Amino acid sequence: MKKLTHPEISINRATLESVPLVRKLPVVVVLNNIRSTYNVGSVFRTSDGAMIEKIYLTGFTPTPPKKEILKTALGATESIAWEYIEDPLQVISSLKEKGYTIAALELTENSTPYYALNHSVFPLALIIGNEINGVCQDLLDKCDVAMEIPQFGIKQSLNVAVAYGIALFELRRLFDTGISLV
């Protein structure tokens, strides 16, 4: 087994110029009141890895070009469409009108395991909430589904950027294969 070099990996990747032509995963993410610039940068980089449609930064979520976001994103702020809109309810209403399923990555009384969704959820708007308080109730009230990542230790949740990566790549797998695991 030989590790691939950056040039070898790049042969099969899109370029910044070709990104508009790449088939996107029909997912947008709504970041609401994320505190950490590093988490925001990580979400950008993960979003590029799965090639989603767009990131909406809402509430007090920091925006590029803050140096910590740029450092963690490694250029993904240029390859993923993004927009800052202060009011997340405005974003969610608009996406709902366009036919998006509205999902929160949150523990609720009737949340669904992240791996138990089916292909009918696409196109999907995924809400990621604050690192401490999660997705606020006003936004949960607008959701069609809450996605949960089951926890087996003493902690109640994962870091938001880590949780987003797990959920997003399961959505990518589901979209690409059309096969639900349950």
C-alpha atoms as a PDB file:
ATOM      1  CA  MET A   1       0.000   0.000   0.000  1.00  0.00           C
ATOM      2  CA  LYS A   2       1.444   3.334  -1.108  1.00  0.00           C
ATOM      3  CA  LYS A   3       0.216   6.629   0.274  1.00  0.00           C
ATOM      4  CA  LEU A   4      -0.982   8.961  -2.480  1.00  0.00           C
ATOM      5  CA  THR A   5       0.749  12.290  -2.977  1.00  0.00           C
ATOM      6  CA  HIS A   6      -1.162  15.563  -3.186  1.00  0.00           C
ATOM      7  CA  PRO A   7      -0.760  15.698  -6.997  1.00  0.00           C
ATOM      8  CA  GLU A   8      -2.048  12.098  -7.289  1.00  0.00           C
ATOM      9  CA  ILE A   9      -5.074  12.921  -5.139  1.00  0.00           C
ATOM     10  CA  SER A  10      -5.734  16.168  -7.040  1.00  0.00           C
ATOM     11  CA  ILE A  11      -6.108  14.368 -10.374  1.00  0.00           C
ATOM     12  CA  ASN A  12      -9.594  13.195  -9.355  1.00  0.00           C
ATOM     13  CA  ARG A  13     -10.747  16.371  -7.613  1.00  0.00           C
ATOM     14  CA  ALA A  14     -12.634  19.398  -8.818  1.00  0.00           C
ATOM     15  CA  THR A  15     -10.808  22.685  -9.153  1.00  0.00           C
ATOM     16  CA  LEU A  16     -12.034  26.017  -7.869  1.00  0.00           C
ATOM     17  CA  GLU A  17     -12.939  26.887 -11.457  1.00  0.00           C
ATOM     18  CA  SER A  18     -14.938  23.674 -11.997  1.00  0.00           C
ATOM     19  CA  VAL A  19     -16.843  23.722  -8.671  1.00  0.00           C
ATOM     20  CA  PRO A  20     -19.927  25.391 -10.222  1.00  0.00           C
ATOM     21  CA  LEU A  21     -20.215  22.414 -12.588  1.00  0.00           C
ATOM     22  CA  VAL A  22     -19.901  19.727  -9.912  1.00  0.00           C
ATOM     23  CA  ARG A  23     -23.052  17.816  -8.951  1.00  0.00           C
ATOM     24  CA  LYS A  24     -23.811  18.939  -5.400  1.00  0.00           C
ATOM     25  CA  LEU A  25     -25.300  16.968  -2.547  1.00  0.00           C
ATOM     26  CA  PRO A  26     -28.785  18.522  -2.188  1.00  0.00           C
ATOM     27  CA  VAL A  27     -28.059  19.708   1.344  1.00  0.00           C
ATOM     28  CA  VAL A  28     -27.671  23.168   2.812  1.00  0.00           C
ATOM     29  CA  VAL A  29     -26.531  23.748   6.362  1.00  0.00           C
ATOM     30  CA  VAL A  30     -27.825  26.488   8.631  1.00  0.00           C
ATOM     31  CA  LEU A  31     -25.341  27.344  11.371  1.00  0.00           C
ATOM     32  CA  ASN A  32     -27.091  29.189  14.162  1.00  0.00           C
ATOM     33  CA  ASN A  33     -25.242  30.964  16.952  1.00  0.00           C
ATOM     34  CA  ILE A  34     -22.048  28.947  16.629  1.00  0.00           C
ATOM     35  CA  ARG A  35     -19.445  30.519  18.932  1.00  0.00           C
ATOM     36  CA  SER A  36     -16.198  28.996  17.715  1.00  0.00           C
ATOM     37  CA  THR A  37     -14.500  30.285  14.600  1.00  0.00           C
ATOM     38  CA  TYR A  38     -12.665  26.939  14.452  1.00  0.00           C
ATOM     39  CA  ASN A  39     -15.965  25.043  14.362  1.00  0.00           C
ATOM     40  CA  VAL A  40     -17.172  27.290  11.538  1.00  0.00           C
ATOM     41  CA  GLY A  41     -13.977  26.656   9.567  1.00  0.00           C
ATOM     42  CA  SER A  42     -14.302  22.926  10.148  1.00  0.00           C
ATOM     43  CA  VAL A  43     -17.898  22.975   8.871  1.00  0.00           C
ATOM     44  CA  PHE A  44     -16.692  24.724   5.703  1.00  0.00           C
ATOM     45  CA  ARG A  45     -13.994  22.106   5.138  1.00  0.00           C
ATOM     46  CA  THR A  46     -16.358  19.188   5.790  1.00  0.00           C
ATOM     47  CA  SER A  47     -18.975  20.778   3.522  1.00  0.00           C
ATOM     48  CA  ASP A  48     -16.412  20.912   0.730  1.00  0.00           C
ATOM     49  CA  GLY A  49     -15.527  17.258   1.330  1.00  0.00           C
ATOM     50  CA  ALA A  50     -19.162  16.254   0.802  1.00  0.00           C
ATOM     51  CA  MET A  51     -19.748  19.058  -1.766  1.00  0.00           C
ATOM     52  CA  ILE A  52     -22.986  20.507  -0.407  1.00  0.00           C
ATOM     53  CA  GLU A  53     -24.990  23.317  -1.990  1.00  0.00           C
ATOM     54  CA  LYS A  54     -24.558  26.123   0.535  1.00  0.00           C
ATOM     55  CA  ILE A  55     -23.863  27.226   4.091  1.00  0.00           C
ATOM     56  CA  TYR A  56     -26.054  29.817   5.813  1.00  0.00           C
ATOM     57  CA  LEU A  57     -24.404  31.555   8.759  1.00  0.00           C
ATOM     58  CA  THR A  58     -27.026  32.992  11.117  1.00  0.00           C
ATOM     59  CA  GLY A  59     -27.335  34.697  14.486  1.00  0.00           C
ATOM     60  CA  PHE A  60     -23.972  35.536  16.034  1.00  0.00           C
ATOM     61  CA  THR A  61     -22.099  32.854  14.056  1.00  0.00           C
ATOM     62  CA  PRO A  62     -18.759  34.332  12.939  1.00  0.00           C
ATOM     63  CA  THR A  63     -18.166  34.744   9.210  1.00  0.00           C
ATOM     64  CA  PRO A  64     -15.139  34.670   6.925  1.00  0.00           C
ATOM     65  CA  PRO A  65     -12.587  36.165   6.517  1.00  0.00           C
ATOM     66  CA  LYS A  66     -11.718  35.683  10.206  1.00  0.00           C
ATOM     67  CA  LYS A  67      -8.237  34.127  10.321  1.00  0.00           C
ATOM     68  CA  GLU A  68      -9.279  31.136  12.456  1.00  0.00           C
ATOM     69  CA  ILE A  69     -12.062  30.243  10.010  1.00  0.00           C
ATOM     70  CA  LEU A  70      -9.691  30.534   7.057  1.00  0.00           C
ATOM     71  CA  LYS A  71      -7.023  28.477   8.824  1.00  0.00           C
ATOM     72  CA  THR A  72      -9.380  25.602   9.613  1.00  0.00           C
ATOM     73  CA  ALA A  73     -11.317  25.758   6.329  1.00  0.00           C
ATOM     74  CA  LEU A  74      -8.139  25.436   4.215  1.00  0.00           C
ATOM     75  CA  GLY A  75      -9.674  27.265   1.241  1.00  0.00           C
ATOM     76  CA  ALA A  76     -13.194  25.814   1.494  1.00  0.00           C
ATOM     77  CA  THR A  77     -14.638  29.305   2.026  1.00  0.00           C
ATOM     78  CA  GLU A  78     -13.908  29.755  -1.690  1.00  0.00           C
ATOM     79  CA  SER A  79     -15.381  26.443  -2.911  1.00  0.00           C
ATOM     80  CA  ILE A  80     -18.626  26.380  -0.916  1.00  0.00           C
ATOM     81  CA  ALA A  81     -21.307  28.993  -1.434  1.00  0.00           C
ATOM     82  CA  TRP A  82     -22.179  30.801   1.777  1.00  0.00           C
ATOM     83  CA  GLU A  83     -24.250  33.696   2.979  1.00  0.00           C
ATOM     84  CA  TYR A  84     -24.792  35.507   6.266  1.00  0.00           C
ATOM     85  CA  ILE A  85     -28.426  36.159   7.186  1.00  0.00           C
ATOM     86  CA  GLU A  86     -28.999  37.217  10.780  1.00  0.00           C
ATOM     87  CA  ASP A  87     -32.445  35.645  11.230  1.00  0.00           C
ATOM     88  CA  PRO A  88     -32.401  31.845  10.865  1.00  0.00           C
ATOM     89  CA  LEU A  89     -36.212  31.731  10.710  1.00  0.00           C
ATOM     90  CA  GLN A  90     -36.065  33.787   7.503  1.00  0.00           C
ATOM     91  CA  VAL A  91     -33.667  31.243   5.981  1.00  0.00           C
ATOM     92  CA  ILE A  92     -35.741  28.263   7.100  1.00  0.00           C
ATOM     93  CA  SER A  93     -38.997  29.757   5.777  1.00  0.00           C
ATOM     94  CA  SER A  94     -37.412  30.399   2.401  1.00  0.00           C
ATOM     95  CA  LEU A  95     -35.951  26.878   2.205  1.00  0.00           C
ATOM     96  CA  LYS A  96     -39.260  25.309   3.242  1.00  0.00           C
ATOM     97  CA  GLU A  97     -41.004  27.220   0.433  1.00  0.00           C
ATOM     98  CA  LYS A  98     -38.429  25.758  -1.985  1.00  0.00           C
ATOM     99  CA  GLY A  99     -39.312  22.220  -0.880  1.00  0.00           C
ATOM    100  CA  TYR A 100     -36.442  21.448   1.488  1.00  0.00           C
ATOM    101  CA  THR A 101     -36.961  19.056   4.371  1.00  0.00           C
ATOM    102  CA  ILE A 102     -35.952  20.976   7.493  1.00  0.00           C
ATOM    103  CA  ALA A 103     -33.867  18.881   9.897  1.00  0.00           C
ATOM    104  CA  ALA A 104     -32.098  19.681  13.139  1.00  0.00           C
ATOM    105  CA  LEU A 105     -29.081  17.807  14.407  1.00  0.00           C
ATOM    106  CA  GLU A 106     -30.431  17.625  17.948  1.00  0.00           C
ATOM    107  CA  LEU A 107     -31.665  15.315  20.683  1.00  0.00           C
ATOM    108  CA  THR A 108     -35.445  15.624  21.019  1.00  0.00           C
ATOM    109  CA  GLU A 109     -38.229  13.473  22.440  1.00  0.00           C
ATOM    110  CA  ASN A 110     -38.777  11.926  19.002  1.00  0.00           C
ATOM    111  CA  SER A 111     -35.448  12.314  17.212  1.00  0.00           C
ATOM    112  CA  THR A 112     -34.440   9.799  14.561  1.00  0.00           C
ATOM    113  CA  PRO A 113     -31.033   8.128  14.493  1.00  0.00           C
ATOM    114  CA  TYR A 114     -28.936   9.828  11.814  1.00  0.00           C
ATOM    115  CA  TYR A 115     -28.576   6.537   9.926  1.00  0.00           C
ATOM    116  CA  ALA A 116     -32.334   5.839   9.810  1.00  0.00           C
ATOM    117  CA  LEU A 117     -33.378   8.497   7.296  1.00  0.00           C
ATOM    118  CA  ASN A 118     -34.392   7.601   3.760  1.00  0.00           C
ATOM    119  CA  HIS A 119     -33.869   9.169   0.355  1.00  0.00           C
ATOM    120  CA  SER A 120     -37.142  11.120   0.566  1.00  0.00           C
ATOM    121  CA  VAL A 121     -35.500  13.705   2.872  1.00  0.00           C
ATOM    122  CA  PHE A 122     -33.690  15.350  -0.061  1.00  0.00           C
ATOM    123  CA  PRO A 123     -33.343  18.237  -0.628  1.00  0.00           C
ATOM    124  CA  LEU A 124     -32.457  18.813   3.022  1.00  0.00           C
ATOM    125  CA  ALA A 125     -31.664  21.839   5.168  1.00  0.00           C
ATOM    126  CA  LEU A 126     -29.676  20.769   8.237  1.00  0.00           C
ATOM    127  CA  ILE A 127     -29.687  23.093  11.243  1.00  0.00           C
ATOM    128  CA  ILE A 128     -26.659  23.015  13.523  1.00  0.00           C
ATOM    129  CA  GLY A 129     -27.044  24.884  16.807  1.00  0.00           C
ATOM    130  CA  ASN A 130     -24.929  26.467  19.480  1.00  0.00           C
ATOM    131  CA  GLU A 131     -22.136  24.439  21.091  1.00  0.00           C
ATOM    132  CA  ILE A 132     -23.715  24.689  24.563  1.00  0.00           C
ATOM    133  CA  ASN A 133     -27.455  25.116  24.011  1.00  0.00           C
ATOM    134  CA  GLY A 134     -27.928  23.255  20.727  1.00  0.00           C
ATOM    135  CA  VAL A 135     -30.746  24.125  18.345  1.00  0.00           C
ATOM    136  CA  CYS A 136     -33.193  26.551  19.976  1.00  0.00           C
ATOM    137  CA  GLN A 137     -36.854  25.616  20.362  1.00  0.00           C
ATOM    138  CA  ASP A 138     -38.041  28.307  17.899  1.00  0.00           C
ATOM    139  CA  LEU A 139     -36.068  26.556  15.162  1.00  0.00           C
ATOM    140  CA  LEU A 140     -37.029  23.050  16.300  1.00  0.00           C
ATOM    141  CA  ASP A 141     -40.686  24.084  15.965  1.00  0.00           C
ATOM    142  CA  LYS A 142     -40.074  24.603  12.224  1.00  0.00           C
ATOM    143  CA  CYS A 143     -38.355  21.237  11.689  1.00  0.00           C
ATOM    144  CA  ASP A 144     -39.737  18.214   9.894  1.00  0.00           C
ATOM    145  CA  VAL A 145     -37.275  15.874  11.595  1.00  0.00           C
ATOM    146  CA  ALA A 146     -34.601  15.867  14.277  1.00  0.00           C
ATOM    147  CA  MET A 147     -31.524  13.740  13.621  1.00  0.00           C
ATOM    148  CA  GLU A 148     -29.747  12.182  16.579  1.00  0.00           C
ATOM    149  CA  ILE A 149     -26.303  10.642  16.897  1.00  0.00           C
ATOM    150  CA  PRO A 150     -26.680   8.052  19.657  1.00  0.00           C
ATOM    151  CA  GLN A 151     -24.220   8.487  22.519  1.00  0.00           C
ATOM    152  CA  PHE A 152     -22.842   5.593  24.556  1.00  0.00           C
ATOM    153  CA  GLY A 153     -20.545   7.341  27.042  1.00  0.00           C
ATOM    154  CA  ILE A 154     -21.163   9.785  29.848  1.00  0.00           C
ATOM    155  CA  LYS A 155     -21.220  12.884  27.608  1.00  0.00           C
ATOM    156  CA  GLN A 156     -24.525  13.934  26.073  1.00  0.00           C
ATOM    157  CA  SER A 157     -23.193  15.114  22.736  1.00  0.00           C
ATOM    158  CA  LEU A 158     -20.263  15.500  20.376  1.00  0.00           C
ATOM    159  CA  ASN A 159     -18.497  18.655  19.253  1.00  0.00           C
ATOM    160  CA  VAL A 160     -20.785  20.361  16.701  1.00  0.00           C
ATOM    161  CA  ALA A 161     -18.267  20.134  13.860  1.00  0.00           C
ATOM    162  CA  VAL A 162     -17.624  16.441  14.553  1.00  0.00           C
ATOM    163  CA  ALA A 163     -21.362  15.692  14.780  1.00  0.00           C
ATOM    164  CA  TYR A 164     -21.928  17.591  11.537  1.00  0.00           C
ATOM    165  CA  GLY A 165     -19.263  15.516   9.784  1.00  0.00           C
ATOM    166  CA  ILE A 166     -20.821  12.244  10.909  1.00  0.00           C
ATOM    167  CA  ALA A 167     -24.333  13.280   9.863  1.00  0.00           C
ATOM    168  CA  LEU A 168     -23.243  14.869   6.590  1.00  0.00           C
ATOM    169  CA  PHE A 169     -21.270  11.908   5.323  1.00  0.00           C
ATOM    170  CA  GLU A 170     -24.156   9.575   6.189  1.00  0.00           C
ATOM    171  CA  LEU A 171     -26.387  11.878   4.113  1.00  0.00           C
ATOM    172  CA  ARG A 172     -23.802  11.722   1.307  1.00  0.00           C
ATOM    173  CA  ARG A 173     -23.800   7.906   1.469  1.00  0.00           C
ATOM    174  CA  LEU A 174     -27.612   7.792   1.499  1.00  0.00           C
ATOM    175  CA  PHE A 175     -27.871  10.157  -1.474  1.00  0.00           C
ATOM    176  CA  ASP A 176     -25.233   8.335  -3.506  1.00  0.00           C
ATOM    177  CA  THR A 177     -26.610   4.841  -2.867  1.00  0.00           C
ATOM    178  CA  GLY A 178     -30.271   5.518  -2.152  1.00  0.00           C
ATOM    179  CA  ILE A 179     -30.049   2.755   0.459  1.00  0.00           C
ATOM    180  CA  SER A 180     -31.169   3.212   4.060  1.00  0.00           C
ATOM    181  CA  LEU A 181     -29.354   1.197   6.722  1.00  0.00           C
ATOM    182  CA  VAL A 182     -32.613   0.353   8.566  1.00  0.00           C
END
